Amino acid sequence: MAKGRNLHIPCDTCGAELNTWDVRACKALGYKKVLVCEKCICKEYDCSKEYLRNALNERYGLVPCQGL
């Protein structure tokens, strides 16, 4: 499994630095014009990080990069 890396791109909501997992999650959820971090996605959907990761794994087969 590949190691996640920071992309030096700020989250459009909170300004945190995005990593490859954040971008993959945004694409899977259909975000077209904004890129947001996992924390902001969890806030929007009112769910925990674990719940979001399990949902993305079950629905799309996405698994976070190693080390995240």
PDB file of N, CA and C in Angstrom:
ATOM      1  N   MET A   1       0.846  -1.174   0.000  1.00  0.00           N
ATOM      2  CA  MET A   1       0.000   0.000   0.000  1.00  0.00           C
ATOM      3  C   MET A   1       0.891   1.237   0.000  1.00  0.00           C
ATOM      4  N   ALA A   2       0.550   2.208  -0.831  1.00  0.00           N
ATOM      5  CA  ALA A   2       1.346   3.422  -0.944  1.00  0.00           C
ATOM      6  C   ALA A   2       1.226   4.275   0.311  1.00  0.00           C
ATOM      7  N   LYS A   3       2.272   5.016   0.596  1.00  0.00           N
ATOM      8  CA  LYS A   3       2.246   5.923   1.746  1.00  0.00           C
ATOM      9  C   LYS A   3       1.624   7.239   1.302  1.00  0.00           C
ATOM     10  N   GLY A   4       0.714   7.771   2.121  1.00  0.00           N
ATOM     11  CA  GLY A   4       0.073   9.048   1.813  1.00  0.00           C
ATOM     12  C   GLY A   4       1.085  10.181   1.839  1.00  0.00           C
ATOM     13  N   ARG A   5       0.837  11.178   1.020  1.00  0.00           N
ATOM     14  CA  ARG A   5       1.755  12.319   1.017  1.00  0.00           C
ATOM     15  C   ARG A   5       0.961  13.608   0.985  1.00  0.00           C
ATOM     16  N   ASN A   6       1.548  14.633   1.560  1.00  0.00           N
ATOM     17  CA  ASN A   6       0.929  15.946   1.557  1.00  0.00           C
ATOM     18  C   ASN A   6       1.116  16.576   0.184  1.00  0.00           C
ATOM     19  N   LEU A   7       0.109  17.309  -0.253  1.00  0.00           N
ATOM     20  CA  LEU A   7       0.117  17.872  -1.598  1.00  0.00           C
ATOM     21  C   LEU A   7       0.378  19.375  -1.633  1.00  0.00           C
ATOM     22  N   HIS A   8       0.553  19.997  -0.472  1.00  0.00           N
ATOM     23  CA  HIS A   8       0.788  21.444  -0.384  1.00  0.00           C
ATOM     24  C   HIS A   8      -0.362  22.232  -1.000  1.00  0.00           C
ATOM     25  N   ILE A   9      -1.572  21.711  -0.842  1.00  0.00           N
ATOM     26  CA  ILE A   9      -2.803  22.370  -1.286  1.00  0.00           C
ATOM     27  C   ILE A   9      -3.663  22.564  -0.041  1.00  0.00           C
ATOM     28  N   PRO A  10      -4.156  23.781   0.193  1.00  0.00           N
ATOM     29  CA  PRO A  10      -4.973  24.009   1.394  1.00  0.00           C
ATOM     30  C   PRO A  10      -6.415  23.534   1.216  1.00  0.00           C
ATOM     31  N   CYS A  11      -7.009  23.098   2.303  1.00  0.00           N
ATOM     32  CA  CYS A  11      -8.429  22.760   2.335  1.00  0.00           C
ATOM     33  C   CYS A  11      -9.220  24.031   2.070  1.00  0.00           C
ATOM     34  N   ASP A  12     -10.226  23.943   1.209  1.00  0.00           N
ATOM     35  CA  ASP A  12     -11.023  25.119   0.875  1.00  0.00           C
ATOM     36  C   ASP A  12     -11.885  25.594   2.034  1.00  0.00           C
ATOM     37  N   THR A  13     -12.068  24.765   3.050  1.00  0.00           N
ATOM     38  CA  THR A  13     -12.906  25.142   4.188  1.00  0.00           C
ATOM     39  C   THR A  13     -12.082  25.647   5.372  1.00  0.00           C
ATOM     40  N   CYS A  14     -11.108  24.854   5.808  1.00  0.00           N
ATOM     41  CA  CYS A  14     -10.369  25.216   7.030  1.00  0.00           C
ATOM     42  C   CYS A  14      -8.918  25.620   6.793  1.00  0.00           C
ATOM     43  N   GLY A  15      -8.380  25.378   5.600  1.00  0.00           N
ATOM     44  CA  GLY A  15      -7.003  25.766   5.294  1.00  0.00           C
ATOM     45  C   GLY A  15      -5.946  24.732   5.621  1.00  0.00           C
ATOM     46  N   ALA A  16      -6.351  23.578   6.178  1.00  0.00           N
ATOM     47  CA  ALA A  16      -5.379  22.523   6.490  1.00  0.00           C
ATOM     48  C   ALA A  16      -4.792  21.965   5.187  1.00  0.00           C
ATOM     49  N   GLU A  17      -3.560  21.473   5.273  1.00  0.00           N
ATOM     50  CA  GLU A  17      -2.901  20.923   4.097  1.00  0.00           C
ATOM     51  C   GLU A  17      -3.529  19.575   3.717  1.00  0.00           C
ATOM     52  N   LEU A  18      -3.881  19.423   2.443  1.00  0.00           N
ATOM     53  CA  LEU A  18      -4.497  18.185   1.970  1.00  0.00           C
ATOM     54  C   LEU A  18      -3.446  17.134   1.665  1.00  0.00           C
ATOM     55  N   ASN A  19      -3.866  15.876   1.784  1.00  0.00           N
ATOM     56  CA  ASN A  19      -3.009  14.766   1.397  1.00  0.00           C
ATOM     57  C   ASN A  19      -3.732  13.958   0.316  1.00  0.00           C
ATOM     58  N   THR A  20      -3.089  12.926  -0.172  1.00  0.00           N
ATOM     59  CA  THR A  20      -3.654  12.150  -1.274  1.00  0.00           C
ATOM     60  C   THR A  20      -4.984  11.499  -0.896  1.00  0.00           C
ATOM     61  N   TRP A  21      -5.125  11.080   0.361  1.00  0.00           N
ATOM     62  CA  TRP A  21      -6.384  10.473   0.806  1.00  0.00           C
ATOM     63  C   TRP A  21      -7.527  11.480   0.737  1.00  0.00           C
ATOM     64  N   ASP A  22      -7.286  12.702   1.171  1.00  0.00           N
ATOM     65  CA  ASP A  22      -8.319  13.737   1.134  1.00  0.00           C
ATOM     66  C   ASP A  22      -8.834  13.930  -0.293  1.00  0.00           C
ATOM     67  N   VAL A  23      -7.928  13.992  -1.245  1.00  0.00           N
ATOM     68  CA  VAL A  23      -8.312  14.211  -2.642  1.00  0.00           C
ATOM     69  C   VAL A  23      -9.089  13.010  -3.180  1.00  0.00           C
ATOM     70  N   ARG A  24      -8.657  11.799  -2.854  1.00  0.00           N
ATOM     71  CA  ARG A  24      -9.376  10.602  -3.304  1.00  0.00           C
ATOM     72  C   ARG A  24     -10.783  10.556  -2.722  1.00  0.00           C
ATOM     73  N   ALA A  25     -10.923  10.919  -1.455  1.00  0.00           N
ATOM     74  CA  ALA A  25     -12.237  10.930  -0.814  1.00  0.00           C
ATOM     75  C   ALA A  25     -13.140  11.970  -1.475  1.00  0.00           C
ATOM     76  N   CYS A  26     -12.603  13.142  -1.772  1.00  0.00           N
ATOM     77  CA  CYS A  26     -13.393  14.197  -2.428  1.00  0.00           C
ATOM     78  C   CYS A  26     -13.901  13.729  -3.790  1.00  0.00           C
ATOM     79  N   LYS A  27     -13.027  13.101  -4.563  1.00  0.00           N
ATOM     80  CA  LYS A  27     -13.430  12.614  -5.883  1.00  0.00           C
ATOM     81  C   LYS A  27     -14.511  11.552  -5.776  1.00  0.00           C
ATOM     82  N   ALA A  28     -14.368  10.641  -4.831  1.00  0.00           N
ATOM     83  CA  ALA A  28     -15.359   9.575  -4.655  1.00  0.00           C
ATOM     84  C   ALA A  28     -16.718  10.140  -4.257  1.00  0.00           C
ATOM     85  N   LEU A  29     -16.715  11.207  -3.484  1.00  0.00           N
ATOM     86  CA  LEU A  29     -17.969  11.802  -3.012  1.00  0.00           C
ATOM     87  C   LEU A  29     -18.544  12.822  -3.996  1.00  0.00           C
ATOM     88  N   GLY A  30     -17.850  13.048  -5.096  1.00  0.00           N
ATOM     89  CA  GLY A  30     -18.389  13.909  -6.144  1.00  0.00           C
ATOM     90  C   GLY A  30     -18.155  15.391  -5.962  1.00  0.00           C
ATOM     91  N   TYR A  31     -17.197  15.774  -5.144  1.00  0.00           N
ATOM     92  CA  TYR A  31     -16.868  17.190  -5.010  1.00  0.00           C
ATOM     93  C   TYR A  31     -16.239  17.639  -6.325  1.00  0.00           C
ATOM     94  N   LYS A  32     -16.839  18.620  -6.966  1.00  0.00           N
ATOM     95  CA  LYS A  32     -16.352  19.062  -8.278  1.00  0.00           C
ATOM     96  C   LYS A  32     -15.469  20.306  -8.204  1.00  0.00           C
ATOM     97  N   LYS A  33     -15.880  21.294  -7.428  1.00  0.00           N
ATOM     98  CA  LYS A  33     -15.188  22.579  -7.449  1.00  0.00           C
ATOM     99  C   LYS A  33     -14.375  22.862  -6.202  1.00  0.00           C
ATOM    100  N   VAL A  34     -14.517  22.055  -5.173  1.00  0.00           N
ATOM    101  CA  VAL A  34     -13.773  22.293  -3.939  1.00  0.00           C
ATOM    102  C   VAL A  34     -13.030  21.033  -3.518  1.00  0.00           C
ATOM    103  N   LEU A  35     -11.925  21.237  -2.835  1.00  0.00           N
ATOM    104  CA  LEU A  35     -11.185  20.144  -2.218  1.00  0.00           C
ATOM    105  C   LEU A  35     -11.153  20.419  -0.730  1.00  0.00           C
ATOM    106  N   VAL A  36     -11.612  19.459   0.051  1.00  0.00           N
ATOM    107  CA  VAL A  36     -11.656  19.629   1.499  1.00  0.00           C
ATOM    108  C   VAL A  36     -10.982  18.452   2.185  1.00  0.00           C
ATOM    109  N   CYS A  37     -10.566  18.667   3.420  1.00  0.00           N
ATOM    110  CA  CYS A  37      -9.885  17.630   4.183  1.00  0.00           C
ATOM    111  C   CYS A  37     -10.901  16.643   4.775  1.00  0.00           C
ATOM    112  N   GLU A  38     -10.392  15.533   5.235  1.00  0.00           N
ATOM    113  CA  GLU A  38     -11.228  14.489   5.824  1.00  0.00           C
ATOM    114  C   GLU A  38     -12.021  15.018   7.017  1.00  0.00           C
ATOM    115  N   LYS A  39     -11.397  15.864   7.820  1.00  0.00           N
ATOM    116  CA  LYS A  39     -12.066  16.435   8.994  1.00  0.00           C
ATOM    117  C   LYS A  39     -13.290  17.252   8.573  1.00  0.00           C
ATOM    118  N   CYS A  40     -13.164  18.053   7.534  1.00  0.00           N
ATOM    119  CA  CYS A  40     -14.286  18.873   7.067  1.00  0.00           C
ATOM    120  C   CYS A  40     -15.380  18.019   6.414  1.00  0.00           C
ATOM    121  N   ILE A  41     -14.991  16.943   5.743  1.00  0.00           N
ATOM    122  CA  ILE A  41     -15.986  16.020   5.181  1.00  0.00           C
ATOM    123  C   ILE A  41     -16.789  15.403   6.325  1.00  0.00           C
ATOM    124  N   CYS A  42     -16.095  15.000   7.378  1.00  0.00           N
ATOM    125  CA  CYS A  42     -16.777  14.406   8.539  1.00  0.00           C
ATOM    126  C   CYS A  42     -17.732  15.405   9.183  1.00  0.00           C
ATOM    127  N   LYS A  43     -17.327  16.660   9.260  1.00  0.00           N
ATOM    128  CA  LYS A  43     -18.218  17.694   9.816  1.00  0.00           C
ATOM    129  C   LYS A  43     -19.465  17.845   8.953  1.00  0.00           C
ATOM    130  N   GLU A  44     -19.272  17.875   7.640  1.00  0.00           N
ATOM    131  CA  GLU A  44     -20.401  18.063   6.722  1.00  0.00           C
ATOM    132  C   GLU A  44     -21.410  16.925   6.837  1.00  0.00           C
ATOM    133  N   TYR A  45     -20.918  15.700   6.935  1.00  0.00           N
ATOM    134  CA  TYR A  45     -21.796  14.534   7.011  1.00  0.00           C
ATOM    135  C   TYR A  45     -22.125  14.131   8.448  1.00  0.00           C
ATOM    136  N   ASP A  46     -21.593  14.876   9.411  1.00  0.00           N
ATOM    137  CA  ASP A  46     -21.826  14.616  10.835  1.00  0.00           C
ATOM    138  C   ASP A  46     -21.526  13.156  11.183  1.00  0.00           C
ATOM    139  N   CYS A  47     -20.289  12.750  10.879  1.00  0.00           N
ATOM    140  CA  CYS A  47     -19.882  11.369  11.151  1.00  0.00           C
ATOM    141  C   CYS A  47     -18.436  11.355  11.646  1.00  0.00           C
ATOM    142  N   SER A  48     -18.032  10.220  12.173  1.00  0.00           N
ATOM    143  CA  SER A  48     -16.653  10.065  12.649  1.00  0.00           C
ATOM    144  C   SER A  48     -15.738   9.697  11.480  1.00  0.00           C
ATOM    145  N   LYS A  49     -14.445   9.853  11.719  1.00  0.00           N
ATOM    146  CA  LYS A  49     -13.453   9.499  10.716  1.00  0.00           C
ATOM    147  C   LYS A  49     -13.546   8.008  10.380  1.00  0.00           C
ATOM    148  N   GLU A  50     -13.729   7.186  11.391  1.00  0.00           N
ATOM    149  CA  GLU A  50     -13.820   5.739  11.184  1.00  0.00           C
ATOM    150  C   GLU A  50     -15.038   5.380  10.337  1.00  0.00           C
ATOM    151  N   TYR A  51     -16.176   6.034  10.616  1.00  0.00           N
ATOM    152  CA  TYR A  51     -17.392   5.773   9.853  1.00  0.00           C
ATOM    153  C   TYR A  51     -17.198   6.163   8.381  1.00  0.00           C
ATOM    154  N   LEU A  52     -16.608   7.334   8.142  1.00  0.00           N
ATOM    155  CA  LEU A  52     -16.361   7.789   6.775  1.00  0.00           C
ATOM    156  C   LEU A  52     -15.450   6.815   6.041  1.00  0.00           C
ATOM    157  N   ARG A  53     -14.370   6.420   6.683  1.00  0.00           N
ATOM    158  CA  ARG A  53     -13.434   5.488   6.037  1.00  0.00           C
ATOM    159  C   ARG A  53     -14.085   4.145   5.739  1.00  0.00           C
ATOM    160  N   ASN A  54     -14.883   3.630   6.677  1.00  0.00           N
ATOM    161  CA  ASN A  54     -15.586   2.367   6.434  1.00  0.00           C
ATOM    162  C   ASN A  54     -16.586   2.500   5.285  1.00  0.00           C
ATOM    163  N   ALA A  55     -17.310   3.612   5.235  1.00  0.00           N
ATOM    164  CA  ALA A  55     -18.291   3.838   4.172  1.00  0.00           C
ATOM    165  C   ALA A  55     -17.605   3.905   2.805  1.00  0.00           C
ATOM    166  N   LEU A  56     -16.482   4.627   2.717  1.00  0.00           N
ATOM    167  CA  LEU A  56     -15.767   4.725   1.444  1.00  0.00           C
ATOM    168  C   LEU A  56     -15.181   3.378   1.031  1.00  0.00           C
ATOM    169  N   ASN A  57     -14.766   2.594   2.006  1.00  0.00           N
ATOM    170  CA  ASN A  57     -14.244   1.267   1.704  1.00  0.00           C
ATOM    171  C   ASN A  57     -15.351   0.346   1.201  1.00  0.00           C
ATOM    172  N   GLU A  58     -16.486   0.346   1.875  1.00  0.00           N
ATOM    173  CA  GLU A  58     -17.586  -0.535   1.490  1.00  0.00           C
ATOM    174  C   GLU A  58     -18.202  -0.153   0.147  1.00  0.00           C
ATOM    175  N   ARG A  59     -18.390   1.142  -0.085  1.00  0.00           N
ATOM    176  CA  ARG A  59     -19.082   1.598  -1.300  1.00  0.00           C
ATOM    177  C   ARG A  59     -18.185   1.678  -2.517  1.00  0.00           C
ATOM    178  N   TYR A  60     -16.925   2.124  -2.321  1.00  0.00           N
ATOM    179  CA  TYR A  60     -16.047   2.389  -3.458  1.00  0.00           C
ATOM    180  C   TYR A  60     -14.752   1.587  -3.447  1.00  0.00           C
ATOM    181  N   GLY A  61     -14.522   0.818  -2.396  1.00  0.00           N
ATOM    182  CA  GLY A  61     -13.287   0.054  -2.302  1.00  0.00           C
ATOM    183  C   GLY A  61     -12.071   0.916  -2.008  1.00  0.00           C
ATOM    184  N   LEU A  62     -12.283   2.112  -1.471  1.00  0.00           N
ATOM    185  CA  LEU A  62     -11.181   3.006  -1.150  1.00  0.00           C
ATOM    186  C   LEU A  62     -10.657   2.721   0.251  1.00  0.00           C
ATOM    187  N   VAL A  63      -9.350   2.638   0.356  1.00  0.00           N
ATOM    188  CA  VAL A  63      -8.696   2.420   1.648  1.00  0.00           C
ATOM    189  C   VAL A  63      -7.665   3.529   1.812  1.00  0.00           C
ATOM    190  N   PRO A  64      -7.584   4.137   3.001  1.00  0.00           N
ATOM    191  CA  PRO A  64      -6.594   5.217   3.205  1.00  0.00           C
ATOM    192  C   PRO A  64      -5.172   4.726   2.952  1.00  0.00           C
ATOM    193  N   CYS A  65      -4.338   5.640   2.533  1.00  0.00           N
ATOM    194  CA  CYS A  65      -2.934   5.319   2.342  1.00  0.00           C
ATOM    195  C   CYS A  65      -2.300   4.944   3.672  1.00  0.00           C
ATOM    196  N   GLN A  66      -1.272   4.139   3.613  1.00  0.00           N
ATOM    197  CA  GLN A  66      -0.591   3.692   4.832  1.00  0.00           C
ATOM    198  C   GLN A  66      -0.042   4.890   5.594  1.00  0.00           C
ATOM    199  N   GLY A  67      -0.212   4.893   6.894  1.00  0.00           N
ATOM    200  CA  GLY A  67       0.299   5.960   7.728  1.00  0.00           C
ATOM    201  C   GLY A  67      -0.704   7.060   8.014  1.00  0.00           C
ATOM    202  N   LEU A  68      -1.921   6.955   7.467  1.00  0.00           N
ATOM    203  CA  LEU A  68      -2.931   7.978   7.729  1.00  0.00           C
ATOM    204  C   LEU A  68      -3.948   7.488   8.717  1.00  0.00           C
TER     205      LEU A  68
END
